[in-house]
Amino acid sequence: MYAYRGAPKLTQSFQLFFMAPCGVRWIPGYIPTLYNPIADPDHRAWDAVLSYGIEFSKERFPLFLGIGMPIHDRKDAVGKWDAPDWGDIGNEWIFAFGFKATMF
């Protein structure tokens, strides 16, 4: 995460979040009376999020606006990691809106 406070009462932040699971994700089998877990076919090899946020620091009501774009890849049949799922980039977006509050 990188935050830039070049203008008074304004903070911009850039973030890259990366997550890679350590193993296979298992889900229950299709027969409810039989214990037969199977590998999740929608398991992602890795996930990343590129995001940008801006905070307007007003004394009475500081606001935060953010936007993020998830990027991910699914493992193929042999469990190989490769480039992102290019066909899915831009189909998902994360929007954030918030404000700060203090207890005292």
PDB file of N, CA and C in Angstrom:
ATOM      1  N   MET A   1       0.842  -1.162   0.000  1.00  0.00           N
ATOM      2  CA  MET A   1       0.000   0.000   0.000  1.00  0.00           C
ATOM      3  C   MET A   1       0.890   1.228   0.000  1.00  0.00           C
ATOM      4  N   TYR A   2       0.501   2.211  -0.765  1.00  0.00           N
ATOM      5  CA  TYR A   2       1.207   3.478  -0.828  1.00  0.00           C
ATOM      6  C   TYR A   2       0.188   4.589  -0.658  1.00  0.00           C
ATOM      7  N   ALA A   3       0.460   5.520   0.229  1.00  0.00           N
ATOM      8  CA  ALA A   3      -0.433   6.653   0.452  1.00  0.00           C
ATOM      9  C   ALA A   3       0.321   7.936   0.147  1.00  0.00           C
ATOM     10  N   TYR A   4      -0.367   8.859  -0.496  1.00  0.00           N
ATOM     11  CA  TYR A   4       0.224  10.127  -0.904  1.00  0.00           C
ATOM     12  C   TYR A   4      -0.595  11.265  -0.317  1.00  0.00           C
ATOM     13  N   ARG A   5       0.065  12.138   0.447  1.00  0.00           N
ATOM     14  CA  ARG A   5      -0.611  13.276   1.072  1.00  0.00           C
ATOM     15  C   ARG A   5      -0.038  14.566   0.514  1.00  0.00           C
ATOM     16  N   GLY A   6      -0.094  14.760  -0.787  1.00  0.00           N
ATOM     17  CA  GLY A   6       0.486  15.933  -1.433  1.00  0.00           C
ATOM     18  C   GLY A   6      -0.360  17.186  -1.297  1.00  0.00           C
ATOM     19  N   ALA A   7      -1.651  17.026  -1.127  1.00  0.00           N
ATOM     20  CA  ALA A   7      -2.545  18.177  -0.987  1.00  0.00           C
ATOM     21  C   ALA A   7      -3.096  18.205   0.431  1.00  0.00           C
ATOM     22  N   PRO A   8      -3.332  19.388   0.987  1.00  0.00           N
ATOM     23  CA  PRO A   8      -3.893  19.430   2.340  1.00  0.00           C
ATOM     24  C   PRO A   8      -5.309  18.852   2.390  1.00  0.00           C
ATOM     25  N   LYS A   9      -5.585  18.111   3.451  1.00  0.00           N
ATOM     26  CA  LYS A   9      -6.897  17.495   3.711  1.00  0.00           C
ATOM     27  C   LYS A   9      -7.320  16.506   2.626  1.00  0.00           C
ATOM     28  N   LEU A  10      -6.344  15.908   1.952  1.00  0.00           N
ATOM     29  CA  LEU A  10      -6.637  14.943   0.896  1.00  0.00           C
ATOM     30  C   LEU A  10      -5.555  13.865   0.917  1.00  0.00           C
ATOM     31  N   THR A  11      -5.963  12.604   0.982  1.00  0.00           N
ATOM     32  CA  THR A  11      -5.015  11.490   0.967  1.00  0.00           C
ATOM     33  C   THR A  11      -5.436  10.509  -0.116  1.00  0.00           C
ATOM     34  N   GLN A  12      -4.501  10.180  -0.989  1.00  0.00           N
ATOM     35  CA  GLN A  12      -4.741   9.188  -2.025  1.00  0.00           C
ATOM     36  C   GLN A  12      -3.956   7.937  -1.664  1.00  0.00           C
ATOM     37  N   SER A  13      -4.526   6.779  -1.923  1.00  0.00           N
ATOM     38  CA  SER A  13      -3.834   5.526  -1.606  1.00  0.00           C
ATOM     39  C   SER A  13      -3.953   4.557  -2.778  1.00  0.00           C
ATOM     40  N   PHE A  14      -2.883   3.828  -2.998  1.00  0.00           N
ATOM     41  CA  PHE A  14      -2.814   2.800  -4.028  1.00  0.00           C
ATOM     42  C   PHE A  14      -2.439   1.502  -3.333  1.00  0.00           C
ATOM     43  N   GLN A  15      -3.067   0.416  -3.717  1.00  0.00           N
ATOM     44  CA  GLN A  15      -2.826  -0.848  -3.030  1.00  0.00           C
ATOM     45  C   GLN A  15      -2.784  -1.994  -4.024  1.00  0.00           C
ATOM     46  N   LEU A  16      -1.905  -2.946  -3.748  1.00  0.00           N
ATOM     47  CA  LEU A  16      -1.875  -4.225  -4.457  1.00  0.00           C
ATOM     48  C   LEU A  16      -1.954  -5.308  -3.399  1.00  0.00           C
ATOM     49  N   PHE A  17      -2.980  -6.118  -3.454  1.00  0.00           N
ATOM     50  CA  PHE A  17      -3.185  -7.224  -2.517  1.00  0.00           C
ATOM     51  C   PHE A  17      -3.031  -8.510  -3.306  1.00  0.00           C
ATOM     52  N   PHE A  18      -2.249  -9.451  -2.778  1.00  0.00           N
ATOM     53  CA  PHE A  18      -2.016 -10.728  -3.459  1.00  0.00           C
ATOM     54  C   PHE A  18      -2.229 -11.859  -2.472  1.00  0.00           C
ATOM     55  N   MET A  19      -2.915 -12.908  -2.914  1.00  0.00           N
ATOM     56  CA  MET A  19      -3.159 -14.069  -2.072  1.00  0.00           C
ATOM     57  C   MET A  19      -3.009 -15.341  -2.914  1.00  0.00           C
ATOM     58  N   ALA A  20      -2.265 -16.292  -2.384  1.00  0.00           N
ATOM     59  CA  ALA A  20      -2.117 -17.588  -3.042  1.00  0.00           C
ATOM     60  C   ALA A  20      -2.384 -18.673  -2.003  1.00  0.00           C
ATOM     61  N   PRO A  21      -3.400 -19.512  -2.203  1.00  0.00           N
ATOM     62  CA  PRO A  21      -3.672 -20.585  -1.243  1.00  0.00           C
ATOM     63  C   PRO A  21      -2.559 -21.626  -1.255  1.00  0.00           C
ATOM     64  N   CYS A  22      -2.413 -22.304  -0.128  1.00  0.00           N
ATOM     65  CA  CYS A  22      -1.324 -23.270   0.035  1.00  0.00           C
ATOM     66  C   CYS A  22      -1.690 -24.688  -0.417  1.00  0.00           C
ATOM     67  N   GLY A  23      -2.927 -24.916  -0.772  1.00  0.00           N
ATOM     68  CA  GLY A  23      -3.298 -26.278  -1.151  1.00  0.00           C
ATOM     69  C   GLY A  23      -4.584 -26.297  -1.959  1.00  0.00           C
ATOM     70  N   VAL A  24      -5.137 -27.454  -2.078  1.00  0.00           N
ATOM     71  CA  VAL A  24      -6.367 -27.659  -2.828  1.00  0.00           C
ATOM     72  C   VAL A  24      -7.555 -27.379  -1.919  1.00  0.00           C
ATOM     73  N   ARG A  25      -8.560 -26.754  -2.449  1.00  0.00           N
ATOM     74  CA  ARG A  25      -9.787 -26.521  -1.697  1.00  0.00           C
ATOM     75  C   ARG A  25     -10.732 -27.686  -1.960  1.00  0.00           C
ATOM     76  N   TRP A  26     -11.224 -28.303  -0.881  1.00  0.00           N
ATOM     77  CA  TRP A  26     -12.094 -29.466  -0.999  1.00  0.00           C
ATOM     78  C   TRP A  26     -13.526 -29.068  -0.699  1.00  0.00           C
ATOM     79  N   ILE A  27     -14.457 -29.669  -1.426  1.00  0.00           N
ATOM     80  CA  ILE A  27     -15.883 -29.451  -1.192  1.00  0.00           C
ATOM     81  C   ILE A  27     -16.544 -30.812  -1.008  1.00  0.00           C
ATOM     82  N   PRO A  28     -17.724 -30.858  -0.388  1.00  0.00           N
ATOM     83  CA  PRO A  28     -18.417 -32.143  -0.223  1.00  0.00           C
ATOM     84  C   PRO A  28     -18.788 -32.748  -1.573  1.00  0.00           C
ATOM     85  N   GLY A  29     -18.821 -34.078  -1.609  1.00  0.00           N
ATOM     86  CA  GLY A  29     -19.231 -34.773  -2.822  1.00  0.00           C
ATOM     87  C   GLY A  29     -20.710 -34.559  -3.115  1.00  0.00           C
ATOM     88  N   TYR A  30     -21.166 -35.084  -4.209  1.00  0.00           N
ATOM     89  CA  TYR A  30     -22.549 -34.863  -4.651  1.00  0.00           C
ATOM     90  C   TYR A  30     -23.559 -35.791  -3.994  1.00  0.00           C
ATOM     91  N   ILE A  31     -23.088 -36.825  -3.331  1.00  0.00           N
ATOM     92  CA  ILE A  31     -23.990 -37.747  -2.639  1.00  0.00           C
ATOM     93  C   ILE A  31     -23.991 -37.381  -1.158  1.00  0.00           C
ATOM     94  N   PRO A  32     -25.109 -36.892  -0.620  1.00  0.00           N
ATOM     95  CA  PRO A  32     -25.098 -36.387   0.763  1.00  0.00           C
ATOM     96  C   PRO A  32     -24.878 -37.454   1.827  1.00  0.00           C
ATOM     97  N   THR A  33     -25.168 -38.700   1.561  1.00  0.00           N
ATOM     98  CA  THR A  33     -25.017 -39.746   2.586  1.00  0.00           C
ATOM     99  C   THR A  33     -23.645 -40.412   2.559  1.00  0.00           C
ATOM    100  N   LEU A  34     -22.772 -40.014   1.634  1.00  0.00           N
ATOM    101  CA  LEU A  34     -21.465 -40.634   1.478  1.00  0.00           C
ATOM    102  C   LEU A  34     -20.375 -39.585   1.658  1.00  0.00           C
ATOM    103  N   TYR A  35     -19.391 -39.882   2.511  1.00  0.00           N
ATOM    104  CA  TYR A  35     -18.255 -38.974   2.679  1.00  0.00           C
ATOM    105  C   TYR A  35     -17.311 -39.165   1.503  1.00  0.00           C
ATOM    106  N   ASN A  36     -17.365 -38.243   0.568  1.00  0.00           N
ATOM    107  CA  ASN A  36     -16.564 -38.339  -0.644  1.00  0.00           C
ATOM    108  C   ASN A  36     -16.184 -36.926  -1.094  1.00  0.00           C
ATOM    109  N   PRO A  37     -15.227 -36.256  -0.407  1.00  0.00           N
ATOM    110  CA  PRO A  37     -14.868 -34.896  -0.819  1.00  0.00           C
ATOM    111  C   PRO A  37     -14.173 -34.895  -2.175  1.00  0.00           C
ATOM    112  N   ILE A  38     -14.414 -33.845  -2.929  1.00  0.00           N
ATOM    113  CA  ILE A  38     -13.804 -33.677  -4.252  1.00  0.00           C
ATOM    114  C   ILE A  38     -13.131 -32.313  -4.302  1.00  0.00           C
ATOM    115  N   ALA A  39     -12.193 -32.172  -5.209  1.00  0.00           N
ATOM    116  CA  ALA A  39     -11.526 -30.876  -5.384  1.00  0.00           C
ATOM    117  C   ALA A  39     -12.513 -29.878  -5.988  1.00  0.00           C
ATOM    118  N   ASP A  40     -12.477 -28.636  -5.484  1.00  0.00           N
ATOM    119  CA  ASP A  40     -13.380 -27.593  -5.958  1.00  0.00           C
ATOM    120  C   ASP A  40     -13.016 -27.208  -7.387  1.00  0.00           C
ATOM    121  N   PRO A  41     -13.943 -27.352  -8.342  1.00  0.00           N
ATOM    122  CA  PRO A  41     -13.614 -26.999  -9.730  1.00  0.00           C
ATOM    123  C   PRO A  41     -13.450 -25.499  -9.942  1.00  0.00           C
ATOM    124  N   ASP A  42     -13.972 -24.672  -9.037  1.00  0.00           N
ATOM    125  CA  ASP A  42     -13.840 -23.217  -9.159  1.00  0.00           C
ATOM    126  C   ASP A  42     -12.691 -22.671  -8.327  1.00  0.00           C
ATOM    127  N   HIS A  43     -11.793 -23.540  -7.886  1.00  0.00           N
ATOM    128  CA  HIS A  43     -10.656 -23.124  -7.058  1.00  0.00           C
ATOM    129  C   HIS A  43      -9.740 -22.215  -7.872  1.00  0.00           C
ATOM    130  N   ARG A  44      -9.364 -21.093  -7.280  1.00  0.00           N
ATOM    131  CA  ARG A  44      -8.471 -20.160  -7.964  1.00  0.00           C
ATOM    132  C   ARG A  44      -7.038 -20.409  -7.530  1.00  0.00           C
ATOM    133  N   ALA A  45      -6.121 -20.355  -8.479  1.00  0.00           N
ATOM    134  CA  ALA A  45      -4.709 -20.555  -8.174  1.00  0.00           C
ATOM    135  C   ALA A  45      -4.165 -19.374  -7.376  1.00  0.00           C
ATOM    136  N   TRP A  46      -4.565 -18.168  -7.713  1.00  0.00           N
ATOM    137  CA  TRP A  46      -4.158 -16.972  -6.981  1.00  0.00           C
ATOM    138  C   TRP A  46      -5.167 -15.865  -7.243  1.00  0.00           C
ATOM    139  N   ASP A  47      -5.200 -14.906  -6.337  1.00  0.00           N
ATOM    140  CA  ASP A  47      -6.053 -13.730  -6.443  1.00  0.00           C
ATOM    141  C   ASP A  47      -5.206 -12.493  -6.180  1.00  0.00           C
ATOM    142  N   ALA A  48      -5.525 -11.418  -6.862  1.00  0.00           N
ATOM    143  CA  ALA A  48      -4.887 -10.127  -6.626  1.00  0.00           C
ATOM    144  C   ALA A  48      -5.958  -9.046  -6.785  1.00  0.00           C
ATOM    145  N   VAL A  49      -5.754  -7.935  -6.119  1.00  0.00           N
ATOM    146  CA  VAL A  49      -6.664  -6.798  -6.240  1.00  0.00           C
ATOM    147  C   VAL A  49      -5.817  -5.546  -6.395  1.00  0.00           C
ATOM    148  N   LEU A  50      -6.086  -4.786  -7.451  1.00  0.00           N
ATOM    149  CA  LEU A  50      -5.500  -3.462  -7.630  1.00  0.00           C
ATOM    150  C   LEU A  50      -6.553  -2.459  -7.192  1.00  0.00           C
ATOM    151  N   SER A  51      -6.185  -1.542  -6.309  1.00  0.00           N
ATOM    152  CA  SER A  51      -7.198  -0.616  -5.818  1.00  0.00           C
ATOM    153  C   SER A  51      -6.640   0.791  -5.664  1.00  0.00           C
ATOM    154  N   TYR A  52      -7.563   1.735  -5.682  1.00  0.00           N
ATOM    155  CA  TYR A  52      -7.259   3.150  -5.506  1.00  0.00           C
ATOM    156  C   TYR A  52      -8.293   3.726  -4.554  1.00  0.00           C
ATOM    157  N   GLY A  53      -7.844   4.541  -3.620  1.00  0.00           N
ATOM    158  CA  GLY A  53      -8.758   5.170  -2.679  1.00  0.00           C
ATOM    159  C   GLY A  53      -8.394   6.617  -2.465  1.00  0.00           C
ATOM    160  N   ILE A  54      -9.376   7.411  -2.138  1.00  0.00           N
ATOM    161  CA  ILE A  54      -9.154   8.822  -1.851  1.00  0.00           C
ATOM    162  C   ILE A  54      -9.954   9.192  -0.607  1.00  0.00           C
ATOM    163  N   GLU A  55      -9.303   9.892   0.304  1.00  0.00           N
ATOM    164  CA  GLU A  55      -9.951  10.308   1.544  1.00  0.00           C
ATOM    165  C   GLU A  55      -9.961  11.827   1.617  1.00  0.00           C
ATOM    166  N   PHE A  56     -11.136  12.374   1.818  1.00  0.00           N
ATOM    167  CA  PHE A  56     -11.311  13.811   2.014  1.00  0.00           C
ATOM    168  C   PHE A  56     -11.361  14.046   3.521  1.00  0.00           C
ATOM    169  N   SER A  57     -10.301  14.606   4.087  1.00  0.00           N
ATOM    170  CA  SER A  57     -10.171  14.730   5.536  1.00  0.00           C
ATOM    171  C   SER A  57     -10.768  16.043   6.026  1.00  0.00           C
ATOM    172  N   LYS A  58     -12.051  16.074   6.199  1.00  0.00           N
ATOM    173  CA  LYS A  58     -12.714  17.228   6.790  1.00  0.00           C
ATOM    174  C   LYS A  58     -12.818  17.008   8.293  1.00  0.00           C
ATOM    175  N   GLU A  59     -12.791  18.059   9.071  1.00  0.00           N
ATOM    176  CA  GLU A  59     -12.781  17.919  10.525  1.00  0.00           C
ATOM    177  C   GLU A  59     -14.041  17.261  11.056  1.00  0.00           C
ATOM    178  N   ARG A  60     -15.167  17.551  10.496  1.00  0.00           N
ATOM    179  CA  ARG A  60     -16.423  17.035  11.041  1.00  0.00           C
ATOM    180  C   ARG A  60     -16.857  15.708  10.414  1.00  0.00           C
ATOM    181  N   PHE A  61     -16.505  15.470   9.174  1.00  0.00           N
ATOM    182  CA  PHE A  61     -17.012  14.272   8.501  1.00  0.00           C
ATOM    183  C   PHE A  61     -16.033  13.824   7.416  1.00  0.00           C
ATOM    184  N   PRO A  62     -14.971  13.067   7.779  1.00  0.00           N
ATOM    185  CA  PRO A  62     -14.025  12.595   6.766  1.00  0.00           C
ATOM    186  C   PRO A  62     -14.629  11.455   5.932  1.00  0.00           C
ATOM    187  N   LEU A  63     -14.556  11.579   4.624  1.00  0.00           N
ATOM    188  CA  LEU A  63     -15.119  10.594   3.695  1.00  0.00           C
ATOM    189  C   LEU A  63     -14.013   9.821   2.984  1.00  0.00           C
ATOM    190  N   PHE A  64     -14.287   8.563   2.696  1.00  0.00           N
ATOM    191  CA  PHE A  64     -13.368   7.721   1.940  1.00  0.00           C
ATOM    192  C   PHE A  64     -14.125   7.101   0.769  1.00  0.00           C
ATOM    193  N   LEU A  65     -13.548   7.210  -0.414  1.00  0.00           N
ATOM    194  CA  LEU A  65     -14.098   6.574  -1.616  1.00  0.00           C
ATOM    195  C   LEU A  65     -13.005   5.678  -2.196  1.00  0.00           C
ATOM    196  N   GLY A  66     -13.381   4.486  -2.607  1.00  0.00           N
ATOM    197  CA  GLY A  66     -12.395   3.554  -3.145  1.00  0.00           C
ATOM    198  C   GLY A  66     -12.971   2.719  -4.272  1.00  0.00           C
ATOM    199  N   ILE A  67     -12.072   2.258  -5.131  1.00  0.00           N
ATOM    200  CA  ILE A  67     -12.454   1.374  -6.233  1.00  0.00           C
ATOM    201  C   ILE A  67     -11.339   0.339  -6.388  1.00  0.00           C
ATOM    202  N   GLY A  68     -11.717  -0.891  -6.683  1.00  0.00           N
ATOM    203  CA  GLY A  68     -10.739  -1.963  -6.845  1.00  0.00           C
ATOM    204  C   GLY A  68     -11.127  -2.896  -7.977  1.00  0.00           C
ATOM    205  N   MET A  69     -10.112  -3.490  -8.600  1.00  0.00           N
ATOM    206  CA  MET A  69     -10.357  -4.440  -9.681  1.00  0.00           C
ATOM    207  C   MET A  69      -9.675  -5.765  -9.340  1.00  0.00           C
ATOM    208  N   PRO A  70     -10.459  -6.824  -9.105  1.00  0.00           N
ATOM    209  CA  PRO A  70      -9.862  -8.138  -8.826  1.00  0.00           C
ATOM    210  C   PRO A  70      -9.287  -8.778 -10.091  1.00  0.00           C
ATOM    211  N   ILE A  71      -8.178  -9.468  -9.909  1.00  0.00           N
ATOM    212  CA  ILE A  71      -7.532 -10.237 -10.976  1.00  0.00           C
ATOM    213  C   ILE A  71      -7.247 -11.616 -10.386  1.00  0.00           C
ATOM    214  N   HIS A  72      -7.506 -12.669 -11.136  1.00  0.00           N
ATOM    215  CA  HIS A  72      -7.285 -14.015 -10.606  1.00  0.00           C
ATOM    216  C   HIS A  72      -6.972 -14.994 -11.731  1.00  0.00           C
ATOM    217  N   ASP A  73      -6.572 -16.189 -11.318  1.00  0.00           N
ATOM    218  CA  ASP A  73      -6.278 -17.260 -12.259  1.00  0.00           C
ATOM    219  C   ASP A  73      -6.767 -18.570 -11.672  1.00  0.00           C
ATOM    220  N   ARG A  74      -7.307 -19.403 -12.492  1.00  0.00           N
ATOM    221  CA  ARG A  74      -7.730 -20.730 -12.066  1.00  0.00           C
ATOM    222  C   ARG A  74      -6.660 -21.743 -12.492  1.00  0.00           C
ATOM    223  N   LYS A  75      -6.457 -22.756 -11.669  1.00  0.00           N
ATOM    224  CA  LYS A  75      -5.514 -23.811 -12.034  1.00  0.00           C
ATOM    225  C   LYS A  75      -6.112 -24.649 -13.152  1.00  0.00           C
ATOM    226  N   ASP A  76      -5.256 -25.108 -14.041  1.00  0.00           N
ATOM    227  CA  ASP A  76      -5.745 -25.999 -15.087  1.00  0.00           C
ATOM    228  C   ASP A  76      -5.737 -27.435 -14.571  1.00  0.00           C
ATOM    229  N   ALA A  77      -5.914 -28.395 -15.448  1.00  0.00           N
ATOM    230  CA  ALA A  77      -6.064 -29.795 -15.036  1.00  0.00           C
ATOM    231  C   ALA A  77      -4.831 -30.343 -14.335  1.00  0.00           C
ATOM    232  N   VAL A  78      -3.644 -29.838 -14.655  1.00  0.00           N
ATOM    233  CA  VAL A  78      -2.428 -30.335 -14.021  1.00  0.00           C
ATOM    234  C   VAL A  78      -1.980 -29.443 -12.867  1.00  0.00           C
ATOM    235  N   GLY A  79      -2.768 -28.440 -12.495  1.00  0.00           N
ATOM    236  CA  GLY A  79      -2.447 -27.589 -11.357  1.00  0.00           C
ATOM    237  C   GLY A  79      -1.364 -26.562 -11.644  1.00  0.00           C
ATOM    238  N   LYS A  80      -1.200 -26.178 -12.900  1.00  0.00           N
ATOM    239  CA  LYS A  80      -0.149 -25.239 -13.280  1.00  0.00           C
ATOM    240  C   LYS A  80      -0.629 -23.792 -13.128  1.00  0.00           C
ATOM    241  N   TRP A  81       0.248 -22.936 -12.630  1.00  0.00           N
ATOM    242  CA  TRP A  81      -0.043 -21.510 -12.573  1.00  0.00           C
ATOM    243  C   TRP A  81       0.355 -20.893 -13.908  1.00  0.00           C
ATOM    244  N   ASP A  82      -0.433 -19.954 -14.377  1.00  0.00           N
ATOM    245  CA  ASP A  82      -0.065 -19.240 -15.579  1.00  0.00           C
ATOM    246  C   ASP A  82      -0.595 -17.814 -15.481  1.00  0.00           C
ATOM    247  N   ALA A  83      -0.781 -17.176 -16.589  1.00  0.00           N
ATOM    248  CA  ALA A  83      -1.198 -15.768 -16.620  1.00  0.00           C
ATOM    249  C   ALA A  83      -2.612 -15.596 -16.069  1.00  0.00           C
ATOM    250  N   PRO A  84      -3.010 -14.363 -15.790  1.00  0.00           N
ATOM    251  CA  PRO A  84      -4.369 -14.132 -15.293  1.00  0.00           C
ATOM    252  C   PRO A  84      -5.433 -14.599 -16.275  1.00  0.00           C
ATOM    253  N   ASP A  85      -6.619 -14.748 -15.762  1.00  0.00           N
ATOM    254  CA  ASP A  85      -7.777 -15.088 -16.572  1.00  0.00           C
ATOM    255  C   ASP A  85      -8.190 -13.827 -17.334  1.00  0.00           C
ATOM    256  N   TRP A  86      -7.594 -13.624 -18.516  1.00  0.00           N
ATOM    257  CA  TRP A  86      -7.771 -12.374 -19.260  1.00  0.00           C
ATOM    258  C   TRP A  86      -9.223 -12.122 -19.638  1.00  0.00           C
ATOM    259  N   GLY A  87      -9.997 -13.149 -19.864  1.00  0.00           N
ATOM    260  CA  GLY A  87     -11.400 -12.960 -20.237  1.00  0.00           C
ATOM    261  C   GLY A  87     -12.270 -12.450 -19.096  1.00  0.00           C
ATOM    262  N   ASP A  88     -11.780 -12.557 -17.859  1.00  0.00           N
ATOM    263  CA  ASP A  88     -12.576 -12.145 -16.708  1.00  0.00           C
ATOM    264  C   ASP A  88     -12.132 -10.800 -16.119  1.00  0.00           C
ATOM    265  N   ILE A  89     -11.010 -10.253 -16.594  1.00  0.00           N
ATOM    266  CA  ILE A  89     -10.540  -8.970 -16.068  1.00  0.00           C
ATOM    267  C   ILE A  89     -11.507  -7.869 -16.489  1.00  0.00           C
ATOM    268  N   GLY A  90     -11.933  -7.088 -15.548  1.00  0.00           N
ATOM    269  CA  GLY A  90     -12.872  -6.000 -15.802  1.00  0.00           C
ATOM    270  C   GLY A  90     -14.321  -6.377 -15.596  1.00  0.00           C
ATOM    271  N   ASN A  91     -14.615  -7.669 -15.393  1.00  0.00           N
ATOM    272  CA  ASN A  91     -15.996  -8.082 -15.155  1.00  0.00           C
ATOM    273  C   ASN A  91     -16.419  -7.891 -13.705  1.00  0.00           C
ATOM    274  N   GLU A  92     -15.465  -7.873 -12.790  1.00  0.00           N
ATOM    275  CA  GLU A  92     -15.751  -7.685 -11.372  1.00  0.00           C
ATOM    276  C   GLU A  92     -15.106  -6.378 -10.912  1.00  0.00           C
ATOM    277  N   TRP A  93     -15.825  -5.614 -10.104  1.00  0.00           N
ATOM    278  CA  TRP A  93     -15.305  -4.375  -9.528  1.00  0.00           C
ATOM    279  C   TRP A  93     -15.716  -4.302  -8.066  1.00  0.00           C
ATOM    280  N   ILE A  94     -14.917  -3.636  -7.271  1.00  0.00           N
ATOM    281  CA  ILE A  94     -15.219  -3.416  -5.864  1.00  0.00           C
ATOM    282  C   ILE A  94     -15.304  -1.909  -5.642  1.00  0.00           C
ATOM    283  N   PHE A  95     -16.425  -1.452  -5.089  1.00  0.00           N
ATOM    284  CA  PHE A  95     -16.604  -0.047  -4.764  1.00  0.00           C
ATOM    285  C   PHE A  95     -16.732   0.088  -3.253  1.00  0.00           C
ATOM    286  N   ALA A  96     -16.065   1.080  -2.690  1.00  0.00           N
ATOM    287  CA  ALA A  96     -16.101   1.279  -1.236  1.00  0.00           C
ATOM    288  C   ALA A  96     -16.446   2.735  -0.934  1.00  0.00           C
ATOM    289  N   PHE A  97     -17.253   2.904   0.085  1.00  0.00           N
ATOM    290  CA  PHE A  97     -17.624   4.225   0.577  1.00  0.00           C
ATOM    291  C   PHE A  97     -17.617   4.147   2.095  1.00  0.00           C
ATOM    292  N   GLY A  98     -16.996   5.087   2.737  1.00  0.00           N
ATOM    293  CA  GLY A  98     -16.950   5.016   4.191  1.00  0.00           C
ATOM    294  C   GLY A  98     -16.627   6.346   4.819  1.00  0.00           C
ATOM    295  N   PHE A  99     -16.676   6.358   6.133  1.00  0.00           N
ATOM    296  CA  PHE A  99     -16.314   7.538   6.907  1.00  0.00           C
ATOM    297  C   PHE A  99     -15.675   7.078   8.205  1.00  0.00           C
ATOM    298  N   LYS A 100     -14.881   7.960   8.783  1.00  0.00           N
ATOM    299  CA  LYS A 100     -14.194   7.620  10.026  1.00  0.00           C
ATOM    300  C   LYS A 100     -15.027   8.056  11.220  1.00  0.00           C
ATOM    301  N   ALA A 101     -14.904   7.301  12.265  1.00  0.00           N
ATOM    302  CA  ALA A 101     -15.563   7.654  13.520  1.00  0.00           C
ATOM    303  C   ALA A 101     -14.625   7.260  14.653  1.00  0.00           C
ATOM    304  N   THR A 102     -14.636   8.025  15.716  1.00  0.00           N
ATOM    305  CA  THR A 102     -13.822   7.705  16.872  1.00  0.00           C
ATOM    306  C   THR A 102     -14.706   7.506  18.067  1.00  0.00           C
ATOM    307  N   MET A 103     -14.222   6.727  19.009  1.00  0.00           N
ATOM    308  CA  MET A 103     -15.008   6.447  20.212  1.00  0.00           C
ATOM    309  C   MET A 103     -14.995   7.620  21.179  1.00  0.00           C
ATOM    310  N   PHE A 104     -13.896   8.384  21.203  1.00  0.00           N
ATOM    311  CA  PHE A 104     -13.791   9.463  22.190  1.00  0.00           C
ATOM    312  C   PHE A 104     -13.501  10.784  21.525  1.00  0.00           C
TER     313      PHE A 104
END
